[in-house]
N, C-alpha and C. Protein backbone atom coordinates (compact mmCIF):
# COMPACT_ATOMS: atom_id res chain seq x y z
N GLY A 1 -18.18 -22.72 6.97
CA GLY A 1 -18.54 -21.45 6.34
C GLY A 1 -17.36 -20.55 6.43
N ILE A 2 -17.67 -19.24 5.97
CA ILE A 2 -16.64 -18.23 5.93
C ILE A 2 -16.03 -17.87 7.32
N GLY A 3 -16.82 -18.08 8.29
CA GLY A 3 -16.39 -17.81 9.71
C GLY A 3 -15.29 -18.69 10.15
N SER A 4 -15.07 -19.82 9.46
CA SER A 4 -13.95 -20.71 9.84
C SER A 4 -12.57 -20.25 9.45
N PHE A 5 -12.59 -19.32 8.52
CA PHE A 5 -11.20 -18.82 8.10
C PHE A 5 -11.12 -17.33 8.03
N VAL A 6 -12.27 -16.60 8.33
CA VAL A 6 -12.26 -15.11 8.31
C VAL A 6 -12.74 -14.69 9.70
N GLN A 7 -11.93 -13.83 10.33
CA GLN A 7 -12.28 -13.26 11.59
C GLN A 7 -13.08 -11.98 11.29
N LEU A 8 -14.36 -12.03 11.46
CA LEU A 8 -15.22 -10.88 11.08
C LEU A 8 -14.83 -9.57 11.84
N SER A 9 -14.40 -9.70 13.05
CA SER A 9 -14.11 -8.54 13.84
C SER A 9 -12.89 -7.72 13.30
N VAL A 10 -12.05 -8.30 12.51
CA VAL A 10 -10.93 -7.63 11.86
C VAL A 10 -11.18 -7.22 10.39
N VAL A 11 -12.29 -7.50 9.85
CA VAL A 11 -12.63 -7.13 8.52
C VAL A 11 -12.51 -5.62 8.27
N PRO A 12 -12.99 -4.77 9.21
CA PRO A 12 -12.84 -3.28 8.99
C PRO A 12 -11.41 -2.85 8.81
N ILE A 13 -10.51 -3.31 9.68
CA ILE A 13 -9.08 -2.87 9.44
C ILE A 13 -8.45 -3.59 8.28
N ALA A 14 -8.85 -4.80 8.07
CA ALA A 14 -8.33 -5.56 6.83
C ALA A 14 -8.80 -4.90 5.52
N SER A 15 -9.98 -4.24 5.60
CA SER A 15 -10.44 -3.51 4.40
C SER A 15 -9.51 -2.35 4.05
N VAL A 16 -8.91 -1.75 5.09
CA VAL A 16 -7.96 -0.62 4.89
C VAL A 16 -6.76 -1.16 4.17
N LEU A 17 -6.32 -2.31 4.61
CA LEU A 17 -5.08 -2.92 3.97
C LEU A 17 -5.47 -3.38 2.51
N PHE A 18 -6.65 -3.85 2.34
CA PHE A 18 -7.13 -4.24 0.94
C PHE A 18 -7.04 -3.01 0.06
N LEU A 19 -7.45 -1.84 0.43
CA LEU A 19 -7.40 -0.64 -0.41
C LEU A 19 -5.96 -0.27 -0.64
N ALA A 20 -5.11 -0.33 0.39
CA ALA A 20 -3.71 0.03 0.24
C ALA A 20 -3.02 -0.92 -0.81
N TYR A 21 -3.40 -2.16 -0.70
CA TYR A 21 -2.76 -3.16 -1.62
C TYR A 21 -3.31 -3.07 -3.08
N ILE A 22 -4.41 -2.47 -3.27
CA ILE A 22 -4.82 -2.18 -4.63
C ILE A 22 -3.78 -1.26 -5.27
N GLY A 23 -3.45 -0.24 -4.54
CA GLY A 23 -2.42 0.68 -5.06
C GLY A 23 -1.12 0.03 -5.24
N TYR A 24 -0.62 -0.75 -4.24
CA TYR A 24 0.61 -1.43 -4.42
C TYR A 24 0.64 -2.36 -5.62
N ALA A 25 -0.53 -2.98 -5.93
CA ALA A 25 -0.62 -3.90 -7.08
C ALA A 25 -0.49 -3.04 -8.33
N GLY A 26 -0.93 -1.77 -8.34
CA GLY A 26 -0.68 -0.93 -9.52
C GLY A 26 0.82 -0.67 -9.75
N ILE A 27 1.55 -0.62 -8.66
CA ILE A 27 3.00 -0.39 -8.85
C ILE A 27 3.63 -1.73 -9.33
N LEU A 28 3.32 -2.83 -8.64
CA LEU A 28 3.86 -4.15 -9.09
C LEU A 28 3.54 -4.45 -10.54
N SER A 29 2.42 -4.16 -10.94
CA SER A 29 1.94 -4.61 -12.25
C SER A 29 2.22 -3.72 -13.42
N PHE A 30 2.32 -2.41 -13.17
CA PHE A 30 2.42 -1.52 -14.30
C PHE A 30 3.56 -0.49 -14.32
N ILE A 31 4.37 -0.49 -13.23
CA ILE A 31 5.40 0.57 -13.12
C ILE A 31 6.43 0.42 -14.26
N THR A 32 6.80 -0.85 -14.64
CA THR A 32 7.75 -1.04 -15.67
C THR A 32 7.29 -0.57 -17.03
N SER A 33 6.06 -0.91 -17.35
CA SER A 33 5.49 -0.47 -18.64
C SER A 33 5.34 1.01 -18.68
N TYR A 34 4.88 1.61 -17.61
CA TYR A 34 4.69 3.08 -17.48
C TYR A 34 6.04 3.75 -17.67
N ALA A 35 7.08 3.28 -16.95
CA ALA A 35 8.39 3.90 -17.04
C ALA A 35 8.97 3.76 -18.50
N ALA A 36 8.71 2.60 -19.11
CA ALA A 36 9.14 2.47 -20.54
C ALA A 36 8.50 3.52 -21.43
N ASP A 37 7.18 3.73 -21.19
CA ASP A 37 6.48 4.81 -22.00
C ASP A 37 7.09 6.18 -21.69
N LEU A 38 7.59 6.39 -20.51
CA LEU A 38 8.15 7.65 -20.17
C LEU A 38 9.65 7.78 -20.63
N GLY A 39 10.24 6.68 -21.07
CA GLY A 39 11.61 6.60 -21.41
C GLY A 39 12.55 6.56 -20.23
N MET A 40 12.06 5.95 -19.05
CA MET A 40 12.79 5.87 -17.83
C MET A 40 13.12 4.48 -17.51
N THR A 41 13.59 3.59 -18.44
CA THR A 41 13.79 2.24 -18.17
C THR A 41 14.98 2.04 -17.32
N ASP A 42 16.02 2.93 -17.38
CA ASP A 42 17.17 2.79 -16.49
C ASP A 42 16.83 3.09 -15.08
N GLU A 43 16.03 4.11 -14.84
CA GLU A 43 15.60 4.48 -13.51
C GLU A 43 14.72 3.44 -12.84
N VAL A 44 13.83 2.88 -13.64
CA VAL A 44 12.83 1.94 -13.03
C VAL A 44 13.54 0.63 -12.48
N THR A 45 14.73 0.37 -13.04
CA THR A 45 15.52 -0.77 -12.53
C THR A 45 15.80 -0.66 -11.05
N LEU A 46 15.92 0.57 -10.49
CA LEU A 46 16.18 0.80 -9.11
C LEU A 46 14.90 1.04 -8.29
N TYR A 47 13.78 1.03 -8.92
CA TYR A 47 12.50 1.38 -8.19
C TYR A 47 12.34 0.52 -6.97
N PHE A 48 12.36 -0.75 -7.16
CA PHE A 48 12.06 -1.67 -6.06
C PHE A 48 13.19 -1.77 -5.04
N VAL A 49 14.40 -1.36 -5.46
CA VAL A 49 15.53 -1.26 -4.51
C VAL A 49 15.28 -0.14 -3.55
N VAL A 50 14.93 1.04 -4.06
CA VAL A 50 14.59 2.17 -3.24
C VAL A 50 13.44 1.89 -2.34
N TYR A 51 12.39 1.28 -2.93
CA TYR A 51 11.20 0.87 -2.15
C TYR A 51 11.61 0.00 -0.99
N ALA A 52 12.40 -1.05 -1.23
CA ALA A 52 12.76 -2.03 -0.22
C ALA A 52 13.63 -1.43 0.86
N VAL A 53 14.56 -0.52 0.48
CA VAL A 53 15.45 0.10 1.48
C VAL A 53 14.59 0.85 2.37
N VAL A 54 13.68 1.69 1.84
CA VAL A 54 12.83 2.56 2.71
C VAL A 54 11.94 1.69 3.63
N VAL A 55 11.31 0.68 3.14
CA VAL A 55 10.58 -0.25 3.98
C VAL A 55 11.45 -0.73 5.08
N PHE A 56 12.57 -1.23 4.79
CA PHE A 56 13.57 -1.83 5.79
C PHE A 56 13.96 -0.78 6.81
N ILE A 57 14.30 0.36 6.38
CA ILE A 57 14.79 1.43 7.26
C ILE A 57 13.64 2.05 8.17
N SER A 58 12.45 2.17 7.59
CA SER A 58 11.39 2.86 8.31
C SER A 58 10.60 2.01 9.26
N ARG A 59 10.58 0.73 9.09
CA ARG A 59 9.73 -0.13 9.93
C ARG A 59 10.16 -0.09 11.46
N PRO A 60 11.42 -0.12 11.81
CA PRO A 60 11.74 -0.09 13.27
C PRO A 60 11.30 1.25 13.92
N PRO A 61 11.60 2.42 13.36
CA PRO A 61 11.11 3.61 14.06
C PRO A 61 9.58 3.73 14.03
N VAL A 62 8.94 3.28 12.99
CA VAL A 62 7.49 3.35 12.99
C VAL A 62 6.96 2.46 14.12
N GLY A 63 7.51 1.26 14.24
CA GLY A 63 7.07 0.39 15.33
C GLY A 63 7.33 0.95 16.74
N ARG A 64 8.46 1.57 16.91
CA ARG A 64 8.70 2.28 18.21
C ARG A 64 7.67 3.38 18.50
N ARG A 65 7.40 4.17 17.46
CA ARG A 65 6.39 5.20 17.64
C ARG A 65 4.99 4.68 17.95
N VAL A 66 4.59 3.60 17.19
CA VAL A 66 3.30 2.99 17.52
C VAL A 66 3.28 2.51 18.96
N ASP A 67 4.40 1.87 19.46
CA ASP A 67 4.46 1.36 20.78
C ASP A 67 4.34 2.47 21.80
N ARG A 68 4.98 3.65 21.51
CA ARG A 68 4.98 4.74 22.50
C ARG A 68 3.70 5.62 22.43
N LYS A 69 3.26 5.89 21.16
CA LYS A 69 2.20 6.87 21.08
C LYS A 69 0.90 6.38 20.42
N GLY A 70 0.88 5.06 19.98
CA GLY A 70 -0.30 4.54 19.40
C GLY A 70 -0.22 4.66 17.89
N GLU A 71 -1.06 3.80 17.24
CA GLU A 71 -1.02 3.75 15.80
C GLU A 71 -1.61 5.00 15.16
N ASN A 72 -2.51 5.73 15.82
CA ASN A 72 -3.09 6.90 15.23
C ASN A 72 -2.08 8.04 15.12
N SER A 73 -0.98 7.93 15.85
CA SER A 73 -0.02 9.04 15.79
C SER A 73 0.79 9.04 14.52
N ILE A 74 0.71 7.95 13.70
CA ILE A 74 1.49 7.88 12.48
C ILE A 74 0.70 7.31 11.29
N ILE A 75 -0.29 6.53 11.52
CA ILE A 75 -0.89 5.89 10.34
C ILE A 75 -1.52 6.82 9.28
N TYR A 76 -2.01 7.97 9.79
CA TYR A 76 -2.55 8.93 8.78
C TYR A 76 -1.48 9.51 7.88
N TRP A 77 -0.24 9.67 8.50
CA TRP A 77 0.90 10.09 7.70
C TRP A 77 1.29 9.01 6.63
N CYS A 78 1.03 7.83 7.00
CA CYS A 78 1.30 6.76 6.04
C CYS A 78 0.38 6.77 4.80
N PHE A 79 -0.84 7.10 5.08
CA PHE A 79 -1.82 7.27 3.93
C PHE A 79 -1.46 8.46 3.15
N VAL A 80 -1.06 9.58 3.78
CA VAL A 80 -0.53 10.74 3.06
C VAL A 80 0.69 10.41 2.22
N SER A 81 1.60 9.62 2.77
CA SER A 81 2.85 9.25 2.05
C SER A 81 2.40 8.41 0.83
N LEU A 82 1.49 7.50 0.97
CA LEU A 82 1.04 6.66 -0.19
C LEU A 82 0.48 7.64 -1.27
N ALA A 83 -0.46 8.51 -0.88
CA ALA A 83 -1.07 9.41 -1.78
C ALA A 83 -0.01 10.26 -2.59
N VAL A 84 0.88 10.83 -1.75
CA VAL A 84 1.96 11.66 -2.44
C VAL A 84 2.74 10.86 -3.41
N GLY A 85 3.15 9.58 -2.95
CA GLY A 85 3.87 8.69 -3.83
C GLY A 85 3.15 8.46 -5.20
N PHE A 86 1.90 8.18 -5.07
CA PHE A 86 1.10 7.90 -6.29
C PHE A 86 0.95 9.07 -7.13
N VAL A 87 0.75 10.36 -6.54
CA VAL A 87 0.79 11.54 -7.34
C VAL A 87 2.09 11.72 -8.07
N MET A 88 3.19 11.40 -7.31
CA MET A 88 4.53 11.66 -7.95
C MET A 88 4.70 10.68 -9.13
N VAL A 89 4.26 9.46 -8.97
CA VAL A 89 4.33 8.52 -10.08
C VAL A 89 3.53 9.05 -11.24
N GLY A 90 2.27 9.41 -10.97
CA GLY A 90 1.33 9.82 -12.04
C GLY A 90 1.85 11.06 -12.76
N LEU A 91 2.67 11.88 -12.13
CA LEU A 91 3.14 13.09 -12.73
C LEU A 91 4.63 13.06 -12.96
N ALA A 92 5.22 11.93 -12.98
CA ALA A 92 6.64 11.78 -13.03
C ALA A 92 7.16 12.38 -14.33
N ALA A 93 8.05 13.38 -14.07
CA ALA A 93 8.68 14.12 -15.28
C ALA A 93 10.13 13.74 -15.42
N ASN A 94 10.72 13.01 -14.45
CA ASN A 94 12.11 12.60 -14.53
C ASN A 94 12.38 11.40 -13.61
N GLY A 95 13.53 10.92 -13.76
CA GLY A 95 13.91 9.65 -12.96
C GLY A 95 13.91 9.88 -11.53
N PHE A 96 14.39 11.14 -11.12
CA PHE A 96 14.40 11.46 -9.59
C PHE A 96 13.01 11.37 -9.07
N MET A 97 12.06 11.93 -9.79
CA MET A 97 10.70 11.95 -9.28
C MET A 97 10.15 10.54 -9.17
N LEU A 98 10.45 9.72 -10.18
CA LEU A 98 9.98 8.35 -10.17
C LEU A 98 10.54 7.57 -8.97
N LEU A 99 11.86 7.74 -8.70
CA LEU A 99 12.51 7.07 -7.62
C LEU A 99 12.08 7.63 -6.23
N ALA A 100 11.86 8.95 -6.20
CA ALA A 100 11.34 9.51 -4.95
C ALA A 100 9.93 8.93 -4.63
N SER A 101 9.15 8.67 -5.73
CA SER A 101 7.85 8.05 -5.41
C SER A 101 7.89 6.71 -4.75
N ALA A 102 8.98 5.98 -5.15
CA ALA A 102 9.28 4.64 -4.53
C ALA A 102 9.50 4.79 -3.02
N ALA A 103 10.17 5.85 -2.63
CA ALA A 103 10.40 6.11 -1.20
C ALA A 103 9.12 6.38 -0.46
N PHE A 104 8.32 7.21 -1.02
CA PHE A 104 7.06 7.61 -0.39
C PHE A 104 6.10 6.39 -0.30
N ILE A 105 6.03 5.59 -1.38
CA ILE A 105 5.11 4.43 -1.43
C ILE A 105 5.66 3.37 -0.51
N GLY A 106 6.99 3.16 -0.48
CA GLY A 106 7.65 2.17 0.41
C GLY A 106 7.31 2.52 1.87
N PHE A 107 7.46 3.77 2.24
CA PHE A 107 7.16 4.18 3.60
C PHE A 107 5.68 3.85 3.87
N GLY A 108 4.81 4.31 2.99
CA GLY A 108 3.40 4.21 3.25
C GLY A 108 2.86 2.76 3.38
N ILE A 109 3.17 1.94 2.37
CA ILE A 109 2.68 0.58 2.33
C ILE A 109 3.38 -0.24 3.43
N GLY A 110 4.62 -0.06 3.64
CA GLY A 110 5.37 -0.83 4.65
C GLY A 110 4.82 -0.55 6.04
N ALA A 111 4.61 0.70 6.30
CA ALA A 111 4.10 1.06 7.66
C ALA A 111 2.63 0.62 7.82
N VAL A 112 1.85 0.85 6.83
CA VAL A 112 0.38 0.47 6.90
C VAL A 112 0.30 -1.02 7.11
N GLN A 113 1.02 -1.82 6.40
CA GLN A 113 1.04 -3.27 6.61
C GLN A 113 1.45 -3.64 8.01
N SER A 114 2.54 -3.01 8.51
CA SER A 114 2.96 -3.38 9.86
C SER A 114 2.02 -2.97 10.90
N ILE A 115 1.54 -1.74 10.75
CA ILE A 115 0.60 -1.18 11.80
C ILE A 115 -0.69 -2.00 11.85
N THR A 116 -1.31 -2.31 10.69
CA THR A 116 -2.56 -3.06 10.72
C THR A 116 -2.34 -4.42 11.25
N GLN A 117 -1.21 -5.08 10.98
CA GLN A 117 -1.00 -6.41 11.57
C GLN A 117 -0.77 -6.29 13.05
N ALA A 118 -0.10 -5.30 13.55
CA ALA A 118 0.03 -5.13 14.95
C ALA A 118 -1.35 -4.87 15.66
N VAL A 119 -2.13 -4.06 15.05
CA VAL A 119 -3.45 -3.74 15.63
C VAL A 119 -4.32 -5.02 15.64
N ILE A 120 -4.27 -5.79 14.62
CA ILE A 120 -5.02 -7.03 14.63
C ILE A 120 -4.51 -7.99 15.68
N ALA A 121 -3.22 -8.12 15.86
CA ALA A 121 -2.68 -9.03 16.85
C ALA A 121 -2.98 -8.56 18.25
N ARG A 122 -2.96 -7.26 18.44
CA ARG A 122 -3.22 -6.68 19.78
C ARG A 122 -4.66 -6.79 20.14
N ASP A 123 -5.61 -6.69 19.18
CA ASP A 123 -7.04 -6.60 19.52
C ASP A 123 -7.77 -7.88 19.36
N THR A 124 -7.11 -8.90 18.93
CA THR A 124 -7.74 -10.22 18.79
C THR A 124 -7.45 -11.18 19.88
N PRO A 125 -8.46 -11.82 20.46
CA PRO A 125 -8.22 -12.78 21.51
C PRO A 125 -7.28 -13.91 20.98
N PRO A 126 -6.45 -14.49 21.78
CA PRO A 126 -5.48 -15.51 21.29
C PRO A 126 -6.14 -16.68 20.53
N ASP A 127 -7.27 -17.12 21.02
CA ASP A 127 -7.95 -18.27 20.36
C ASP A 127 -8.54 -17.89 18.97
N GLU A 128 -8.56 -16.65 18.59
CA GLU A 128 -9.12 -16.23 17.33
C GLU A 128 -8.01 -15.65 16.45
N LEU A 129 -6.77 -15.64 16.88
CA LEU A 129 -5.69 -15.05 16.15
C LEU A 129 -5.37 -15.76 14.82
N GLY A 130 -5.55 -17.00 14.74
CA GLY A 130 -5.31 -17.69 13.46
C GLY A 130 -6.23 -17.20 12.31
N ARG A 131 -7.52 -17.11 12.61
CA ARG A 131 -8.47 -16.56 11.66
C ARG A 131 -8.19 -15.09 11.39
N ALA A 132 -7.75 -14.38 12.42
CA ALA A 132 -7.43 -12.97 12.21
C ALA A 132 -6.30 -12.78 11.24
N ASN A 133 -5.27 -13.59 11.46
CA ASN A 133 -4.09 -13.49 10.53
C ASN A 133 -4.47 -13.95 9.17
N SER A 134 -5.34 -14.98 9.05
CA SER A 134 -5.83 -15.37 7.72
C SER A 134 -6.55 -14.24 7.03
N THR A 135 -7.36 -13.53 7.80
CA THR A 135 -8.12 -12.41 7.24
C THR A 135 -7.13 -11.28 6.80
N PHE A 136 -6.12 -10.99 7.62
CA PHE A 136 -5.15 -10.02 7.30
C PHE A 136 -4.47 -10.34 5.94
N PHE A 137 -3.96 -11.61 5.80
CA PHE A 137 -3.26 -11.93 4.53
C PHE A 137 -4.18 -12.07 3.39
N MET A 138 -5.43 -12.48 3.56
CA MET A 138 -6.37 -12.53 2.47
C MET A 138 -6.67 -11.17 1.96
N SER A 139 -6.75 -10.19 2.84
CA SER A 139 -6.98 -8.83 2.38
C SER A 139 -5.92 -8.29 1.50
N MET A 140 -4.60 -8.61 1.89
CA MET A 140 -3.50 -8.22 1.05
C MET A 140 -3.55 -8.94 -0.31
N ASP A 141 -3.77 -10.22 -0.26
CA ASP A 141 -3.80 -11.04 -1.44
C ASP A 141 -5.00 -10.58 -2.39
N PHE A 142 -6.11 -10.33 -1.75
CA PHE A 142 -7.30 -9.88 -2.57
C PHE A 142 -7.04 -8.55 -3.22
N GLY A 143 -6.44 -7.59 -2.47
CA GLY A 143 -6.15 -6.25 -3.06
C GLY A 143 -5.10 -6.44 -4.18
N SER A 144 -4.07 -7.32 -3.99
CA SER A 144 -3.07 -7.55 -4.95
C SER A 144 -3.66 -8.23 -6.19
N GLY A 145 -4.72 -9.02 -5.98
CA GLY A 145 -5.37 -9.66 -7.14
C GLY A 145 -6.37 -8.77 -7.86
N VAL A 146 -7.15 -8.05 -7.16
CA VAL A 146 -8.15 -7.18 -7.76
C VAL A 146 -7.56 -6.01 -8.37
N GLY A 147 -6.51 -5.43 -7.77
CA GLY A 147 -5.82 -4.18 -8.25
C GLY A 147 -5.51 -4.15 -9.72
N PRO A 148 -4.75 -5.20 -10.21
CA PRO A 148 -4.37 -5.15 -11.60
C PRO A 148 -5.54 -5.23 -12.53
N ILE A 149 -6.60 -5.92 -12.14
CA ILE A 149 -7.74 -6.05 -13.00
C ILE A 149 -8.42 -4.70 -13.11
N VAL A 150 -8.64 -4.02 -11.98
CA VAL A 150 -9.35 -2.71 -11.93
C VAL A 150 -8.45 -1.73 -12.63
N ILE A 151 -7.22 -1.68 -12.29
CA ILE A 151 -6.33 -0.61 -12.82
C ILE A 151 -6.09 -0.91 -14.34
N GLY A 152 -5.92 -2.12 -14.71
CA GLY A 152 -5.77 -2.50 -16.10
C GLY A 152 -6.90 -2.10 -16.97
N SER A 153 -8.13 -2.12 -16.33
CA SER A 153 -9.31 -1.72 -17.10
C SER A 153 -9.47 -0.22 -17.26
N ILE A 154 -8.80 0.56 -16.38
CA ILE A 154 -8.88 2.02 -16.49
C ILE A 154 -7.71 2.64 -17.25
N ILE A 155 -6.59 1.90 -17.41
CA ILE A 155 -5.43 2.50 -18.15
C ILE A 155 -5.83 2.83 -19.55
N PRO A 156 -6.59 2.08 -20.33
CA PRO A 156 -6.89 2.50 -21.67
C PRO A 156 -7.77 3.77 -21.70
N LEU A 157 -8.48 4.07 -20.62
CA LEU A 157 -9.33 5.22 -20.53
C LEU A 157 -8.58 6.49 -20.15
N ILE A 158 -7.70 6.40 -19.16
CA ILE A 158 -7.04 7.55 -18.63
C ILE A 158 -5.52 7.49 -18.63
N GLY A 159 -4.96 6.43 -19.13
CA GLY A 159 -3.53 6.33 -19.20
C GLY A 159 -2.95 5.80 -17.84
N TYR A 160 -1.65 5.54 -17.93
CA TYR A 160 -0.95 5.15 -16.78
C TYR A 160 -0.90 6.21 -15.73
N GLY A 161 -0.49 7.47 -16.16
CA GLY A 161 -0.46 8.59 -15.20
C GLY A 161 -1.77 8.86 -14.51
N GLY A 162 -2.84 8.86 -15.21
CA GLY A 162 -4.15 9.03 -14.67
C GLY A 162 -4.55 7.99 -13.72
N SER A 163 -4.12 6.70 -14.02
CA SER A 163 -4.42 5.63 -13.14
C SER A 163 -3.70 5.83 -11.81
N TYR A 164 -2.53 6.23 -11.79
CA TYR A 164 -1.81 6.49 -10.57
C TYR A 164 -2.38 7.62 -9.78
N LEU A 165 -2.91 8.60 -10.48
CA LEU A 165 -3.66 9.66 -9.75
C LEU A 165 -4.89 9.16 -9.07
N VAL A 166 -5.60 8.21 -9.74
CA VAL A 166 -6.73 7.55 -9.15
C VAL A 166 -6.33 6.83 -7.90
N LEU A 167 -5.18 6.12 -7.99
CA LEU A 167 -4.66 5.36 -6.85
C LEU A 167 -4.30 6.28 -5.69
N ALA A 168 -3.93 7.50 -5.95
CA ALA A 168 -3.72 8.46 -4.91
C ALA A 168 -5.09 8.67 -4.11
N CYS A 169 -6.14 8.77 -4.89
CA CYS A 169 -7.47 8.90 -4.29
C CYS A 169 -7.83 7.66 -3.49
N VAL A 170 -7.49 6.49 -3.94
CA VAL A 170 -7.68 5.25 -3.24
C VAL A 170 -6.93 5.26 -1.92
N ALA A 171 -5.70 5.78 -1.92
CA ALA A 171 -4.90 5.86 -0.63
C ALA A 171 -5.60 6.76 0.37
N VAL A 172 -6.15 7.88 -0.13
CA VAL A 172 -6.90 8.78 0.75
C VAL A 172 -8.16 8.13 1.30
N LEU A 173 -8.87 7.39 0.39
CA LEU A 173 -10.03 6.57 0.81
C LEU A 173 -9.66 5.58 1.88
N ALA A 174 -8.50 4.95 1.77
CA ALA A 174 -8.04 4.03 2.81
C ALA A 174 -7.91 4.74 4.21
N GLY A 175 -7.38 5.96 4.13
CA GLY A 175 -7.26 6.76 5.40
C GLY A 175 -8.61 7.12 5.89
N VAL A 176 -9.58 7.42 5.05
CA VAL A 176 -10.93 7.77 5.53
C VAL A 176 -11.58 6.53 6.10
N VAL A 177 -11.44 5.36 5.45
CA VAL A 177 -12.03 4.14 5.95
C VAL A 177 -11.38 3.77 7.32
N TYR A 178 -10.11 3.99 7.44
CA TYR A 178 -9.38 3.74 8.73
C TYR A 178 -10.05 4.58 9.86
């Protein structure tokens, strides 16, 4: 049954990651088309470079802070960062704003992913860690898979910009669920 590959005790924290990855899927799936509509095709070529650099640079200090002060000392700021990033994308008026959103989203999603995985590893008994990790990765995959379907269905109704503003609300919801 489902209990053989899903660790039910980590489903609550995995649901937070699921929500965050719905937003990330919106970036992966639609940022290039949105930027083309805005006339920012040159800027969007650097979007994932900025995103990756911020993830790479921010994870070590985030990890140290979690080790010293606990995950609650920073994870809420990560949800705020995600929400701000999505608002910036949704309202992007120039290339700088678009690329700045990559930094906010990179910090938010990179830290939320790391923190939730650390919490799962810390709070799960060793003999259940395989199922816990499976649940962690399934939540990311499920959010990445469901996100484009949901977002793609609302883009015709509210546009790309409106969709990213909705994703800002999803990031806030992830913080509330956490």
